[in-house]
Amino acid sequence: MSEKITEQTIEAISILAKLTLSEEEKQQAMADMEAMLQYIDQLNDLDTEGVEPMSHVFPVCNVYREDEVQEFGSREAILKNAPAVKNDSFQVPKTID
């Protein structure tokens, strides 16, 4: 297999990713990417005859339901879970001055 990942490729990727790589890191990145491409090339050896293309492993279907108004619970029961209550509402720290 010929070398697919070049130093120019690594340089371009590092610029796009806004990374500053040392020479050692560039060499390691080249080796890692080359190994990834070799692994991906193994997929070309798989027999996919008769396999339909799919976007998900499991069948995907939307589940629709009618909107129904339901009781949520009493205000008192809900406020029991609040760490702090003020004027029958959740009290939260001030976030804007």
N, C-alpha and C. Protein backbone atom coordinates (compact mmCIF):
# COMPACT_ATOMS: atom_id res chain seq x y z
N MET A 1 0.85 -1.18 0.00
CA MET A 1 0.00 0.00 0.00
C MET A 1 0.89 1.23 0.00
N SER A 2 0.58 2.16 -0.89
CA SER A 2 1.37 3.38 -0.94
C SER A 2 0.94 4.32 0.18
N GLU A 3 1.81 5.22 0.52
CA GLU A 3 1.53 6.16 1.60
C GLU A 3 0.44 7.12 1.17
N LYS A 4 -0.65 7.17 1.93
CA LYS A 4 -1.77 8.05 1.59
C LYS A 4 -1.71 9.36 2.36
N ILE A 5 -1.20 9.31 3.56
CA ILE A 5 -1.12 10.49 4.41
C ILE A 5 0.28 11.07 4.29
N THR A 6 0.33 12.32 3.83
CA THR A 6 1.62 12.98 3.68
C THR A 6 1.79 14.04 4.74
N GLU A 7 3.00 14.57 4.80
CA GLU A 7 3.26 15.65 5.75
C GLU A 7 2.42 16.87 5.42
N GLN A 8 2.17 17.10 4.13
CA GLN A 8 1.34 18.23 3.72
C GLN A 8 -0.11 18.04 4.19
N THR A 9 -0.57 16.79 4.16
CA THR A 9 -1.92 16.51 4.66
C THR A 9 -2.02 16.82 6.14
N ILE A 10 -1.04 16.39 6.90
CA ILE A 10 -1.03 16.66 8.35
C ILE A 10 -0.94 18.15 8.61
N GLU A 11 -0.15 18.85 7.84
CA GLU A 11 -0.01 20.30 8.00
C GLU A 11 -1.35 20.98 7.73
N ALA A 12 -2.04 20.57 6.66
CA ALA A 12 -3.33 21.17 6.34
C ALA A 12 -4.36 20.89 7.43
N ILE A 13 -4.37 19.67 7.92
CA ILE A 13 -5.31 19.31 8.99
C ILE A 13 -5.02 20.09 10.26
N SER A 14 -3.75 20.25 10.59
CA SER A 14 -3.40 21.00 11.80
C SER A 14 -3.79 22.47 11.68
N ILE A 15 -3.68 23.02 10.47
CA ILE A 15 -4.11 24.41 10.27
C ILE A 15 -5.62 24.52 10.43
N LEU A 16 -6.36 23.60 9.80
CA LEU A 16 -7.82 23.63 9.92
C LEU A 16 -8.28 23.44 11.36
N ALA A 17 -7.57 22.59 12.10
CA ALA A 17 -7.93 22.31 13.48
C ALA A 17 -7.31 23.32 14.45
N LYS A 18 -6.53 24.25 13.90
CA LYS A 18 -5.85 25.27 14.72
C LYS A 18 -4.99 24.63 15.79
N LEU A 19 -4.17 23.65 15.35
CA LEU A 19 -3.26 22.95 16.24
C LEU A 19 -1.82 23.27 15.85
N THR A 20 -0.98 23.37 16.83
CA THR A 20 0.45 23.49 16.59
C THR A 20 1.07 22.16 17.00
N LEU A 21 1.61 21.45 16.01
CA LEU A 21 2.15 20.13 16.27
C LEU A 21 3.67 20.15 16.14
N SER A 22 4.33 19.46 17.04
CA SER A 22 5.78 19.29 16.92
C SER A 22 6.04 18.25 15.83
N GLU A 23 7.30 18.12 15.43
CA GLU A 23 7.64 17.13 14.40
C GLU A 23 7.29 15.71 14.86
N GLU A 24 7.53 15.44 16.13
CA GLU A 24 7.20 14.12 16.68
C GLU A 24 5.70 13.87 16.63
N GLU A 25 4.90 14.89 16.98
CA GLU A 25 3.45 14.76 16.95
C GLU A 25 2.95 14.59 15.51
N LYS A 26 3.58 15.28 14.56
CA LYS A 26 3.20 15.13 13.15
C LYS A 26 3.46 13.71 12.68
N GLN A 27 4.61 13.17 13.03
CA GLN A 27 4.94 11.80 12.62
C GLN A 27 3.97 10.80 13.25
N GLN A 28 3.62 11.03 14.52
CA GLN A 28 2.67 10.14 15.20
C GLN A 28 1.29 10.25 14.57
N ALA A 29 0.88 11.48 14.22
CA ALA A 29 -0.42 11.68 13.58
C ALA A 29 -0.46 11.00 12.22
N MET A 30 0.63 11.08 11.46
CA MET A 30 0.71 10.42 10.17
C MET A 30 0.56 8.91 10.33
N ALA A 31 1.25 8.35 11.30
CA ALA A 31 1.18 6.91 11.54
C ALA A 31 -0.22 6.50 11.99
N ASP A 32 -0.81 7.28 12.87
CA ASP A 32 -2.16 6.97 13.36
C ASP A 32 -3.19 7.02 12.24
N MET A 33 -3.11 8.06 11.42
CA MET A 33 -4.08 8.20 10.33
C MET A 33 -3.88 7.12 9.27
N GLU A 34 -2.64 6.77 9.01
CA GLU A 34 -2.36 5.70 8.06
C GLU A 34 -2.94 4.38 8.57
N ALA A 35 -2.81 4.13 9.87
CA ALA A 35 -3.36 2.91 10.47
C ALA A 35 -4.89 2.91 10.38
N MET A 36 -5.50 4.07 10.59
CA MET A 36 -6.96 4.16 10.48
C MET A 36 -7.41 3.87 9.05
N LEU A 37 -6.71 4.43 8.08
CA LEU A 37 -7.08 4.19 6.68
C LEU A 37 -6.89 2.73 6.29
N GLN A 38 -5.86 2.10 6.80
CA GLN A 38 -5.65 0.67 6.52
C GLN A 38 -6.79 -0.16 7.10
N TYR A 39 -7.22 0.22 8.30
CA TYR A 39 -8.34 -0.50 8.93
C TYR A 39 -9.61 -0.30 8.12
N ILE A 40 -9.86 0.93 7.67
CA ILE A 40 -11.05 1.22 6.88
C ILE A 40 -10.99 0.49 5.54
N ASP A 41 -9.79 0.35 4.96
CA ASP A 41 -9.65 -0.37 3.69
C ASP A 41 -10.09 -1.82 3.81
N GLN A 42 -10.06 -2.37 5.00
CA GLN A 42 -10.50 -3.76 5.20
C GLN A 42 -11.98 -3.91 4.87
N LEU A 43 -12.73 -2.82 4.97
CA LEU A 43 -14.17 -2.89 4.67
C LEU A 43 -14.40 -3.20 3.20
N ASN A 44 -13.46 -2.83 2.33
CA ASN A 44 -13.60 -3.12 0.90
C ASN A 44 -13.56 -4.62 0.64
N ASP A 45 -12.99 -5.39 1.55
CA ASP A 45 -12.89 -6.83 1.38
C ASP A 45 -14.16 -7.58 1.79
N LEU A 46 -15.08 -6.88 2.45
CA LEU A 46 -16.30 -7.52 2.92
C LEU A 46 -17.26 -7.78 1.77
N ASP A 47 -17.95 -8.92 1.83
CA ASP A 47 -18.95 -9.24 0.83
C ASP A 47 -20.28 -8.60 1.25
N THR A 48 -20.67 -7.56 0.53
CA THR A 48 -21.91 -6.85 0.86
C THR A 48 -22.99 -7.10 -0.20
N GLU A 49 -22.81 -8.14 -0.97
CA GLU A 49 -23.79 -8.49 -2.01
C GLU A 49 -25.12 -8.83 -1.34
N GLY A 50 -26.17 -8.19 -1.79
CA GLY A 50 -27.50 -8.45 -1.26
C GLY A 50 -27.83 -7.70 0.02
N VAL A 51 -26.93 -6.89 0.52
CA VAL A 51 -27.18 -6.12 1.74
C VAL A 51 -27.72 -4.76 1.33
N GLU A 52 -28.90 -4.44 1.81
CA GLU A 52 -29.51 -3.16 1.47
C GLU A 52 -28.85 -2.03 2.26
N PRO A 53 -28.64 -0.88 1.62
CA PRO A 53 -28.10 0.27 2.35
C PRO A 53 -29.08 0.71 3.44
N MET A 54 -28.55 1.19 4.55
CA MET A 54 -29.40 1.64 5.64
C MET A 54 -28.77 2.84 6.34
N SER A 55 -29.60 3.63 6.96
CA SER A 55 -29.10 4.78 7.70
C SER A 55 -29.00 4.48 9.20
N HIS A 56 -29.72 3.46 9.65
CA HIS A 56 -29.69 3.07 11.06
C HIS A 56 -29.63 1.54 11.16
N VAL A 57 -29.06 1.07 12.24
CA VAL A 57 -28.98 -0.38 12.45
C VAL A 57 -30.36 -0.95 12.73
N PHE A 58 -31.16 -0.23 13.49
CA PHE A 58 -32.50 -0.69 13.84
C PHE A 58 -33.52 0.10 13.02
N PRO A 59 -34.68 -0.48 12.75
CA PRO A 59 -35.70 0.27 12.02
C PRO A 59 -36.14 1.49 12.82
N VAL A 60 -36.29 2.59 12.13
CA VAL A 60 -36.65 3.83 12.80
C VAL A 60 -38.05 4.22 12.34
N CYS A 61 -38.92 4.50 13.28
CA CYS A 61 -40.25 5.00 12.94
C CYS A 61 -40.66 6.00 14.00
N ASN A 62 -41.41 6.99 13.56
CA ASN A 62 -41.90 8.00 14.49
C ASN A 62 -43.07 7.45 15.28
N VAL A 63 -43.11 7.80 16.53
CA VAL A 63 -44.21 7.39 17.40
C VAL A 63 -45.04 8.64 17.68
N TYR A 64 -46.26 8.62 17.19
CA TYR A 64 -47.14 9.77 17.39
C TYR A 64 -48.17 9.44 18.44
N ARG A 65 -48.57 10.45 19.16
CA ARG A 65 -49.63 10.29 20.15
C ARG A 65 -50.43 11.58 20.19
N GLU A 66 -51.63 11.48 20.62
CA GLU A 66 -52.48 12.66 20.76
C GLU A 66 -52.03 13.45 21.98
N ASP A 67 -52.04 14.76 21.86
CA ASP A 67 -51.75 15.61 23.01
C ASP A 67 -52.95 15.62 23.93
N GLU A 68 -52.73 15.33 25.18
CA GLU A 68 -53.80 15.33 26.16
C GLU A 68 -53.38 16.17 27.35
N VAL A 69 -54.29 16.98 27.82
CA VAL A 69 -54.03 17.79 29.00
C VAL A 69 -54.17 16.88 30.21
N GLN A 70 -53.14 16.90 31.08
CA GLN A 70 -53.17 16.05 32.26
C GLN A 70 -52.80 16.90 33.48
N GLU A 71 -53.25 16.45 34.60
CA GLU A 71 -52.89 17.11 35.85
C GLU A 71 -51.41 16.84 36.12
N PHE A 72 -50.69 17.85 36.49
CA PHE A 72 -49.26 17.71 36.72
C PHE A 72 -48.94 17.42 38.18
N GLY A 73 -49.76 17.88 39.06
CA GLY A 73 -49.52 17.70 40.49
C GLY A 73 -49.82 18.99 41.22
N SER A 74 -49.90 18.90 42.51
CA SER A 74 -50.21 20.11 43.27
C SER A 74 -48.97 20.98 43.42
N ARG A 75 -49.18 22.27 43.52
CA ARG A 75 -48.09 23.22 43.69
C ARG A 75 -47.28 22.90 44.95
N GLU A 76 -47.97 22.53 46.00
CA GLU A 76 -47.28 22.23 47.26
C GLU A 76 -46.36 21.02 47.12
N ALA A 77 -46.85 19.98 46.44
CA ALA A 77 -46.04 18.77 46.26
C ALA A 77 -44.81 19.06 45.40
N ILE A 78 -44.97 19.88 44.39
CA ILE A 78 -43.85 20.22 43.51
C ILE A 78 -42.83 21.08 44.26
N LEU A 79 -43.31 22.04 45.04
CA LEU A 79 -42.41 22.94 45.76
C LEU A 79 -41.68 22.24 46.90
N LYS A 80 -42.14 21.06 47.32
CA LYS A 80 -41.42 20.32 48.35
C LYS A 80 -40.04 19.89 47.86
N ASN A 81 -39.86 19.77 46.55
CA ASN A 81 -38.57 19.38 45.97
C ASN A 81 -37.62 20.55 45.79
N ALA A 82 -38.10 21.75 45.98
CA ALA A 82 -37.27 22.93 45.75
C ALA A 82 -36.31 23.14 46.92
N PRO A 83 -35.05 23.49 46.62
CA PRO A 83 -34.11 23.79 47.71
C PRO A 83 -34.48 25.07 48.43
N ALA A 84 -35.11 26.01 47.70
CA ALA A 84 -35.54 27.27 48.32
C ALA A 84 -36.83 27.73 47.65
N VAL A 85 -37.76 28.26 48.45
CA VAL A 85 -39.05 28.71 47.94
C VAL A 85 -39.26 30.15 48.37
N LYS A 86 -39.82 30.95 47.45
CA LYS A 86 -40.14 32.34 47.77
C LYS A 86 -41.42 32.70 47.02
N ASN A 87 -42.42 33.18 47.74
CA ASN A 87 -43.71 33.56 47.14
C ASN A 87 -44.32 32.43 46.30
N ASP A 88 -44.34 31.23 46.85
CA ASP A 88 -44.91 30.06 46.17
C ASP A 88 -44.26 29.76 44.83
N SER A 89 -42.95 30.03 44.72
CA SER A 89 -42.19 29.74 43.50
C SER A 89 -40.81 29.24 43.88
N PHE A 90 -40.13 28.62 42.92
CA PHE A 90 -38.75 28.23 43.14
C PHE A 90 -37.91 29.49 43.30
N GLN A 91 -37.04 29.52 44.30
CA GLN A 91 -36.12 30.64 44.45
C GLN A 91 -34.77 30.21 43.92
N VAL A 92 -34.25 31.00 42.98
CA VAL A 92 -32.96 30.69 42.36
C VAL A 92 -32.02 31.86 42.54
N PRO A 93 -30.71 31.61 42.45
CA PRO A 93 -29.75 32.71 42.60
C PRO A 93 -29.88 33.71 41.47
N LYS A 94 -29.61 34.94 41.77
CA LYS A 94 -29.63 36.00 40.76
C LYS A 94 -28.50 35.75 39.77
N THR A 95 -28.81 35.84 38.49
CA THR A 95 -27.79 35.59 37.47
C THR A 95 -27.39 36.83 36.69
N ILE A 96 -28.21 37.86 36.70
CA ILE A 96 -27.89 39.09 35.97
C ILE A 96 -27.99 40.26 36.93
N ASP A 97 -27.00 41.13 36.88
CA ASP A 97 -27.02 42.34 37.72
C ASP A 97 -27.73 43.45 37.01
